[in-house]
N, C-alpha and C. Protein backbone atom coordinates (compact mmCIF):
# COMPACT_ATOMS: atom_id res chain seq x y z
N UNK A 1 -3.46 -28.47 -0.08
CA UNK A 1 -3.87 -28.58 1.19
C UNK A 1 -4.76 -28.13 1.83
N UNK A 2 -5.49 -28.58 2.70
CA UNK A 2 -6.59 -27.85 3.27
C UNK A 2 -7.05 -28.25 4.41
N UNK A 3 -7.71 -27.59 5.77
CA UNK A 3 -7.87 -27.82 6.72
C UNK A 3 -9.53 -28.29 6.88
N UNK A 4 -10.40 -29.21 6.80
CA UNK A 4 -11.64 -29.34 7.04
C UNK A 4 -12.17 -29.09 8.26
N UNK A 5 -13.02 -28.64 8.85
CA UNK A 5 -13.56 -28.57 10.27
C UNK A 5 -15.29 -28.21 9.47
N UNK A 6 -15.94 -29.16 9.83
CA UNK A 6 -17.21 -28.98 9.81
C UNK A 6 -17.54 -28.20 11.31
N UNK A 7 -18.81 -27.43 11.11
CA UNK A 7 -19.41 -26.71 12.42
C UNK A 7 -20.86 -26.72 11.71
N UNK A 8 -21.73 -26.39 12.48
CA UNK A 8 -23.05 -25.37 12.47
C UNK A 8 -22.99 -25.04 11.14
N UNK A 9 -24.11 -24.73 10.37
CA UNK A 9 -24.08 -24.06 8.91
C UNK A 9 -23.07 -22.68 9.01
N UNK A 10 -22.08 -22.34 8.27
CA UNK A 10 -22.06 -21.19 8.55
C UNK A 10 -22.14 -20.09 8.11
N UNK A 11 -23.25 -20.15 7.11
CA UNK A 11 -23.79 -18.68 6.12
C UNK A 11 -24.91 -19.43 5.61
N UNK A 12 -25.77 -19.07 5.60
CA UNK A 12 -27.62 -19.03 5.29
C UNK A 12 -27.61 -18.58 3.52
N UNK A 13 -26.50 -17.43 3.06
CA UNK A 13 -26.89 -17.20 1.78
C UNK A 13 -26.06 -18.12 1.01
N UNK A 14 -26.39 -17.52 0.01
CA UNK A 14 -26.01 -18.74 -1.65
C UNK A 14 -24.65 -17.63 -1.68
N UNK A 15 -24.22 -16.92 -1.43
CA UNK A 15 -22.80 -16.53 -1.62
C UNK A 15 -22.53 -16.89 -0.84
N UNK A 16 -22.11 -17.93 0.33
CA UNK A 16 -21.83 -17.51 1.86
C UNK A 16 -21.54 -19.21 1.61
N UNK A 17 -20.15 -19.63 2.32
CA UNK A 17 -19.58 -20.73 2.50
C UNK A 17 -20.72 -22.09 3.65
N UNK A 18 -20.77 -22.85 3.08
CA UNK A 18 -21.98 -23.62 4.23
C UNK A 18 -20.95 -24.51 4.47
N UNK A 19 -20.00 -24.77 4.54
CA UNK A 19 -18.80 -26.16 5.76
C UNK A 19 -18.08 -24.97 5.99
N UNK A 20 -17.01 -24.72 7.19
CA UNK A 20 -16.20 -24.01 7.42
C UNK A 20 -14.68 -25.00 6.84
N UNK A 21 -14.28 -24.69 5.47
CA UNK A 21 -13.01 -24.99 5.48
C UNK A 21 -12.04 -24.10 4.92
N UNK A 22 -10.70 -24.21 5.99
CA UNK A 22 -9.82 -22.92 5.48
C UNK A 22 -8.59 -23.78 4.92
N UNK A 23 -8.15 -23.09 3.33
CA UNK A 23 -6.98 -23.40 2.57
C UNK A 23 -5.49 -22.95 2.80
N UNK A 24 -5.34 -23.71 3.35
CA UNK A 24 -3.96 -23.50 4.23
C UNK A 24 -3.17 -22.16 2.93
N UNK A 25 -2.51 -23.04 1.61
CA UNK A 25 -2.31 -22.46 0.49
C UNK A 25 -2.36 -20.97 0.64
N UNK A 26 -3.97 -20.74 0.23
CA UNK A 26 -4.25 -19.61 -0.03
C UNK A 26 -4.36 -18.27 1.08
N UNK A 27 -4.22 -19.03 2.15
CA UNK A 27 -3.93 -18.07 3.38
C UNK A 27 -2.79 -17.81 3.64
N UNK A 28 -2.19 -18.65 3.78
CA UNK A 28 -0.10 -18.13 3.26
C UNK A 28 -0.13 -17.56 2.34
N UNK A 29 -0.61 -18.07 1.04
CA UNK A 29 -0.60 -16.40 -0.37
C UNK A 29 -0.53 -14.96 0.02
N UNK A 30 -1.76 -15.09 0.91
CA UNK A 30 -2.73 -13.69 1.34
C UNK A 30 -1.68 -12.68 2.30
N UNK A 31 -1.43 -13.74 3.12
CA UNK A 31 -0.50 -13.24 4.23
C UNK A 31 0.82 -12.60 3.81
N UNK A 32 1.56 -13.20 2.84
CA UNK A 32 3.31 -12.98 2.09
C UNK A 32 2.52 -11.66 1.51
N UNK A 33 1.66 -11.31 1.07
CA UNK A 33 1.17 -10.65 0.17
C UNK A 33 0.80 -9.03 0.85
N UNK A 34 0.15 -9.50 2.07
CA UNK A 34 -0.01 -8.57 2.83
C UNK A 34 1.52 -7.71 3.38
N UNK A 35 2.46 -8.64 3.48
CA UNK A 35 3.77 -7.92 3.77
C UNK A 35 4.71 -7.08 2.95
N UNK A 36 3.86 -7.74 1.71
CA UNK A 36 4.08 -6.15 0.71
C UNK A 36 3.80 -4.53 0.84
N UNK A 37 2.72 -4.79 2.05
CA UNK A 37 2.44 -3.38 1.94
C UNK A 37 2.61 -2.84 3.45
N UNK A 38 3.00 -1.88 3.31
CA UNK A 38 3.09 -1.02 5.04
C UNK A 38 2.12 -0.16 5.33
N UNK A 39 2.18 0.14 6.63
CA UNK A 39 0.94 1.15 6.96
C UNK A 39 0.77 2.62 6.01
N UNK A 40 1.77 2.77 5.75
CA UNK A 40 1.67 4.63 5.67
C UNK A 40 1.21 4.13 4.09
N UNK A 41 1.77 2.80 3.66
CA UNK A 41 1.37 2.89 2.30
C UNK A 41 -0.45 3.04 1.92
N UNK A 42 -0.96 1.90 2.68
CA UNK A 42 -1.73 1.41 3.01
C UNK A 42 -2.72 2.30 3.17
N UNK A 43 -2.71 3.40 4.06
CA UNK A 43 -3.32 4.71 4.55
C UNK A 43 -3.36 5.43 3.31
N UNK A 44 -2.22 6.08 2.35
CA UNK A 44 -2.38 6.77 1.49
C UNK A 44 -3.17 6.19 0.53
N UNK A 45 -3.21 5.05 -0.11
CA UNK A 45 -3.88 4.84 -0.99
C UNK A 45 -5.27 4.18 -0.61
N UNK A 46 -5.65 4.67 0.49
CA UNK A 46 -7.39 4.96 1.55
C UNK A 46 -7.60 6.09 1.07
N UNK A 47 -6.52 7.00 1.26
CA UNK A 47 -6.85 8.87 1.18
C UNK A 47 -7.13 8.65 -0.24
N UNK A 48 -6.46 8.12 -1.43
CA UNK A 48 -6.75 8.52 -2.89
C UNK A 48 -7.88 7.88 -2.96
N UNK A 49 -8.47 6.54 -2.61
CA UNK A 49 -9.37 6.08 -3.02
C UNK A 49 -10.78 6.67 -2.78
N UNK A 50 -10.76 7.24 -1.30
CA UNK A 50 -11.65 8.09 -0.70
C UNK A 50 -12.12 9.34 -1.54
N UNK A 51 -11.21 10.41 -1.78
CA UNK A 51 -10.95 10.96 -2.73
C UNK A 51 -11.58 10.75 -3.95
N UNK A 52 -11.18 9.91 -4.66
CA UNK A 52 -11.91 9.86 -5.47
C UNK A 52 -12.75 9.28 -5.66
N UNK A 53 -13.53 8.86 -4.62
CA UNK A 53 -15.08 8.26 -4.24
C UNK A 53 -15.81 9.21 -4.42
N UNK A 54 -16.21 10.73 -4.75
CA UNK A 54 -16.67 11.78 -4.78
C UNK A 54 -17.10 11.83 -5.87
N UNK A 55 -19.00 12.55 -6.17
CA UNK A 55 -18.99 12.61 -8.18
C UNK A 55 -18.42 13.75 -8.61
N UNK A 56 -18.33 14.83 -7.90
CA UNK A 56 -17.48 15.86 -8.22
C UNK A 56 -16.32 15.75 -8.79
N UNK A 57 -15.54 15.29 -7.31
CA UNK A 57 -14.02 15.58 -7.66
C UNK A 57 -13.76 14.21 -9.29
N UNK A 58 -14.57 13.43 -9.14
CA UNK A 58 -14.37 12.65 -10.15
C UNK A 58 -14.71 12.79 -11.58
N UNK A 59 -15.66 14.30 -11.49
CA UNK A 59 -15.67 15.43 -13.04
C UNK A 59 -15.12 16.33 -12.93
N UNK A 60 -14.36 16.48 -11.62
CA UNK A 60 -13.13 17.22 -12.02
C UNK A 60 -11.68 16.97 -12.32
N UNK A 61 -11.45 15.50 -12.48
CA UNK A 61 -10.21 15.03 -12.47
C UNK A 61 -10.78 14.45 -14.58
N UNK A 62 -11.96 14.23 -14.71
CA UNK A 62 -12.37 13.57 -16.01
C UNK A 62 -12.07 14.98 -16.79
N UNK A 63 -12.66 16.02 -16.37
CA UNK A 63 -12.61 17.76 -16.90
C UNK A 63 -10.61 17.64 -17.05
N UNK A 64 -10.38 17.56 -16.25
CA UNK A 64 -8.84 17.74 -16.33
C UNK A 64 -7.96 16.99 -17.01
N UNK A 65 -8.69 15.20 -17.24
CA UNK A 65 -7.86 14.25 -18.49
C UNK A 65 -7.50 15.01 -19.63
N UNK A 66 -8.12 16.00 -20.10
CA UNK A 66 -8.03 16.63 -21.44
C UNK A 66 -7.66 17.62 -21.42
N UNK A 67 -6.74 17.78 -20.30
CA UNK A 67 -5.81 18.95 -20.36
C UNK A 67 -5.61 20.14 -19.07
N UNK A 68 -4.51 21.12 -18.87
CA UNK A 68 -4.35 21.80 -18.08
C UNK A 68 -6.07 22.76 -18.09
N UNK A 69 -6.62 23.10 -17.11
CA UNK A 69 -7.83 24.02 -16.82
C UNK A 69 -7.42 25.15 -16.16
N UNK A 70 -7.68 26.71 -15.73
CA UNK A 70 -7.55 27.35 -14.73
C UNK A 70 -8.63 27.07 -14.34
N UNK A 71 -8.99 27.47 -12.61
CA UNK A 71 -10.25 27.05 -11.78
C UNK A 71 -11.47 27.36 -12.79
N UNK A 72 -11.80 28.73 -13.47
CA UNK A 72 -12.72 29.51 -13.64
C UNK A 72 -13.44 28.50 -14.90
N UNK A 73 -12.41 27.84 -15.58
CA UNK A 73 -12.56 27.07 -16.58
C UNK A 73 -13.75 26.13 -16.49
N UNK A 74 -12.59 25.41 -15.36
CA UNK A 74 -13.11 24.11 -14.70
C UNK A 74 -14.83 24.39 -14.04
N UNK A 75 -14.93 25.46 -13.43
CA UNK A 75 -16.26 25.88 -12.99
C UNK A 75 -17.17 26.03 -14.10
N UNK A 76 -16.81 25.97 -15.40
CA UNK A 76 -17.72 26.51 -16.09
C UNK A 76 -17.94 25.41 -17.02
N UNK A 77 -16.84 24.66 -17.02
CA UNK A 77 -17.43 23.35 -17.88
C UNK A 77 -18.50 22.42 -16.73
N UNK A 78 -18.10 22.89 -15.91
CA UNK A 78 -18.56 21.63 -14.83
C UNK A 78 -20.21 22.12 -14.52
N UNK A 79 -20.39 23.68 -14.94
CA UNK A 79 -21.79 24.56 -14.16
C UNK A 79 -21.93 24.57 -12.59
N UNK A 80 -20.62 24.54 -12.22
CA UNK A 80 -20.31 25.16 -10.60
C UNK A 80 -19.99 26.00 -9.96
N UNK A 81 -20.15 26.70 -9.05
CA UNK A 81 -19.66 27.98 -8.81
C UNK A 81 -17.97 27.34 -8.65
N UNK A 82 -17.31 28.75 -8.66
CA UNK A 82 -16.09 29.02 -8.55
C UNK A 82 -15.38 28.57 -6.80
N UNK A 83 -16.08 28.73 -5.72
CA UNK A 83 -15.81 28.52 -4.99
C UNK A 83 -15.66 26.84 -4.54
N UNK A 84 -16.85 26.36 -4.92
CA UNK A 84 -16.96 24.61 -4.91
C UNK A 84 -15.72 24.07 -5.64
N UNK A 85 -15.62 24.60 -6.62
CA UNK A 85 -14.70 23.95 -7.55
C UNK A 85 -13.27 24.01 -6.85
N UNK A 86 -13.22 25.16 -6.11
CA UNK A 86 -11.72 25.56 -5.40
C UNK A 86 -11.44 24.75 -4.43
N UNK A 87 -12.41 24.69 -3.48
CA UNK A 87 -12.78 24.01 -2.23
C UNK A 87 -12.26 22.15 -2.89
N UNK A 88 -12.67 21.92 -4.26
CA UNK A 88 -12.64 20.55 -4.46
C UNK A 88 -11.18 20.20 -4.68
N UNK A 89 -10.82 21.37 -5.23
CA UNK A 89 -8.93 21.01 -5.80
C UNK A 89 -8.13 21.29 -4.77
N UNK A 90 -8.48 21.71 -3.85
CA UNK A 90 -7.63 21.86 -3.21
C UNK A 90 -7.54 20.47 -2.00
N UNK A 91 -8.56 19.96 -1.85
CA UNK A 91 -8.79 18.22 -1.72
C UNK A 91 -8.14 17.62 -2.26
N UNK A 92 -7.98 17.55 -3.54
CA UNK A 92 -7.33 16.64 -4.68
C UNK A 92 -6.15 17.47 -4.95
N UNK A 93 -5.51 18.47 -4.57
CA UNK A 93 -3.88 18.75 -4.38
C UNK A 93 -3.47 18.43 -3.43
N UNK A 94 -4.55 18.22 -2.20
CA UNK A 94 -3.64 17.79 -0.91
C UNK A 94 -3.37 16.43 -0.78
N UNK A 95 -3.92 15.72 -1.59
CA UNK A 95 -3.67 13.97 -1.74
C UNK A 95 -3.00 13.74 -3.40
N UNK A 96 -2.61 15.32 -3.61
CA UNK A 96 -1.41 14.70 -5.03
C UNK A 96 -2.19 13.68 -6.34
N UNK A 97 -3.50 14.30 -6.00
CA UNK A 97 -4.36 14.09 -7.49
C UNK A 97 -4.01 14.79 -8.58
N UNK A 98 -3.98 16.36 -8.26
CA UNK A 98 -4.07 17.25 -8.86
C UNK A 98 -2.88 18.18 -8.39
N UNK A 99 -2.21 18.99 -9.43
CA UNK A 99 -1.32 19.79 -9.24
C UNK A 99 -1.28 21.13 -9.15
N UNK A 100 -0.81 22.25 -9.20
CA UNK A 100 -1.22 23.86 -10.21
C UNK A 100 0.01 23.91 -10.23
N UNK A 101 -0.03 25.11 -10.98
CA UNK A 101 1.34 26.02 -11.34
C UNK A 101 0.08 27.71 -11.56
N UNK A 102 1.33 28.84 -10.66
CA UNK A 102 0.42 29.92 -11.60
C UNK A 102 0.99 30.22 -13.18
N UNK A 103 0.24 31.02 -13.37
CA UNK A 103 0.39 31.43 -14.74
C UNK A 103 -0.36 32.88 -14.91
N UNK A 104 0.61 34.13 -13.95
CA UNK A 104 0.58 35.13 -14.33
C UNK A 104 -0.73 35.42 -12.48
N UNK A 105 -2.00 35.57 -13.10
CA UNK A 105 -3.06 35.85 -12.15
C UNK A 105 -4.01 34.59 -11.42
N UNK A 106 -3.23 33.48 -12.71
CA UNK A 106 -4.47 32.28 -13.08
C UNK A 106 -3.60 31.20 -12.20
N UNK A 107 -4.63 30.23 -11.40
CA UNK A 107 -4.16 29.17 -11.39
C UNK A 107 -4.22 28.12 -11.96
N UNK A 108 -3.45 26.94 -13.04
CA UNK A 108 -3.54 26.33 -13.75
C UNK A 108 -3.39 24.84 -13.07
N UNK A 109 -4.75 24.31 -13.45
CA UNK A 109 -4.82 22.83 -12.61
C UNK A 109 -4.38 21.55 -13.91
N UNK A 110 -3.93 20.39 -13.17
CA UNK A 110 -3.85 19.55 -13.98
C UNK A 110 -3.53 17.98 -12.84
N UNK A 111 -3.73 16.59 -13.71
CA UNK A 111 -3.86 15.65 -12.91
C UNK A 111 -2.01 15.64 -12.64
N UNK A 112 -2.00 15.22 -11.17
CA UNK A 112 -0.77 14.98 -10.97
C UNK A 112 0.61 14.38 -11.77
N UNK A 113 0.11 12.92 -11.97
CA UNK A 113 0.61 12.35 -13.11
C UNK A 113 -0.01 11.36 -13.65
N UNK A 114 0.84 10.57 -14.63
CA UNK A 114 0.00 9.26 -15.28
C UNK A 114 -0.72 8.30 -14.28
N UNK A 115 -0.19 8.41 -13.45
CA UNK A 115 -0.60 7.09 -12.39
C UNK A 115 -1.96 7.38 -12.40
N UNK A 116 -2.71 8.90 -11.82
CA UNK A 116 -3.85 9.53 -11.67
C UNK A 116 -4.76 9.19 -12.75
N UNK A 117 -4.03 9.60 -13.61
CA UNK A 117 -4.93 9.37 -15.22
C UNK A 117 -5.18 8.06 -15.48
N UNK A 118 -4.42 6.43 -15.46
CA UNK A 118 -4.99 5.22 -15.09
C UNK A 118 -5.52 4.84 -14.42
N UNK A 119 -5.44 4.93 -13.37
CA UNK A 119 -6.48 4.55 -12.15
C UNK A 119 -7.77 5.06 -12.36
N UNK A 120 -8.22 6.68 -12.96
CA UNK A 120 -9.02 6.92 -13.09
C UNK A 120 -9.91 6.14 -14.64
N UNK A 121 -9.05 6.07 -15.42
CA UNK A 121 -9.43 5.41 -16.70
C UNK A 121 -9.40 4.10 -16.68
N UNK A 122 -8.66 3.67 -16.00
CA UNK A 122 -9.24 1.83 -15.49
C UNK A 122 -10.73 1.36 -14.48
N UNK A 123 -10.81 2.38 -13.77
CA UNK A 123 -12.27 2.38 -13.06
C UNK A 123 -13.07 3.05 -14.07
N UNK A 124 -12.73 3.77 -14.51
CA UNK A 124 -14.41 4.11 -15.47
C UNK A 124 -14.41 2.79 -16.71
N UNK A 125 -13.47 2.02 -17.17
CA UNK A 125 -13.54 0.87 -18.01
C UNK A 125 -14.48 0.19 -17.41
N UNK A 126 -13.68 0.00 -15.75
CA UNK A 126 -14.78 -1.09 -15.09
C UNK A 126 -16.29 -0.74 -14.81
N UNK A 127 -16.51 0.28 -14.72
CA UNK A 127 -17.54 1.28 -14.57
C UNK A 127 -19.09 0.78 -16.00
N UNK A 128 -17.94 1.31 -16.85
CA UNK A 128 -18.52 1.08 -17.83
C UNK A 128 -19.22 -0.60 -18.75
N UNK A 129 -18.18 -0.99 -17.93
CA UNK A 129 -18.43 -2.74 -18.43
C UNK A 129 -19.30 -3.36 -17.31
N UNK A 130 -19.45 -2.99 -16.85
CA UNK A 130 -20.81 -3.72 -15.92
C UNK A 130 -22.28 -3.38 -15.34
């Protein structure tokens, strides 16, 4: 069921509605879906997408998808300065995208869990698709 209310032309672009129609079932489904997410979860998700929205950090994630690497190796693989990589790794670590462990004097990094790799892989597949 839907409610139809005509007003002046709503949109003038081809991809916009030309009539004001509210589809109540669709609105109700969206409202029910919205209740599944609390504010803390939505903020956390937003932070993950923000962190993954940087080209350098995506390159680091891609490098780490091949396995554990120390900071020096990541810097060499990406042709970047050690300090720049360290800064980006700190951001990835703070949002639990990456983690590290000490191995003697080295800090060895890896992706935090399989969810990070899956999220990256799905995004990469989508980017390559279109």
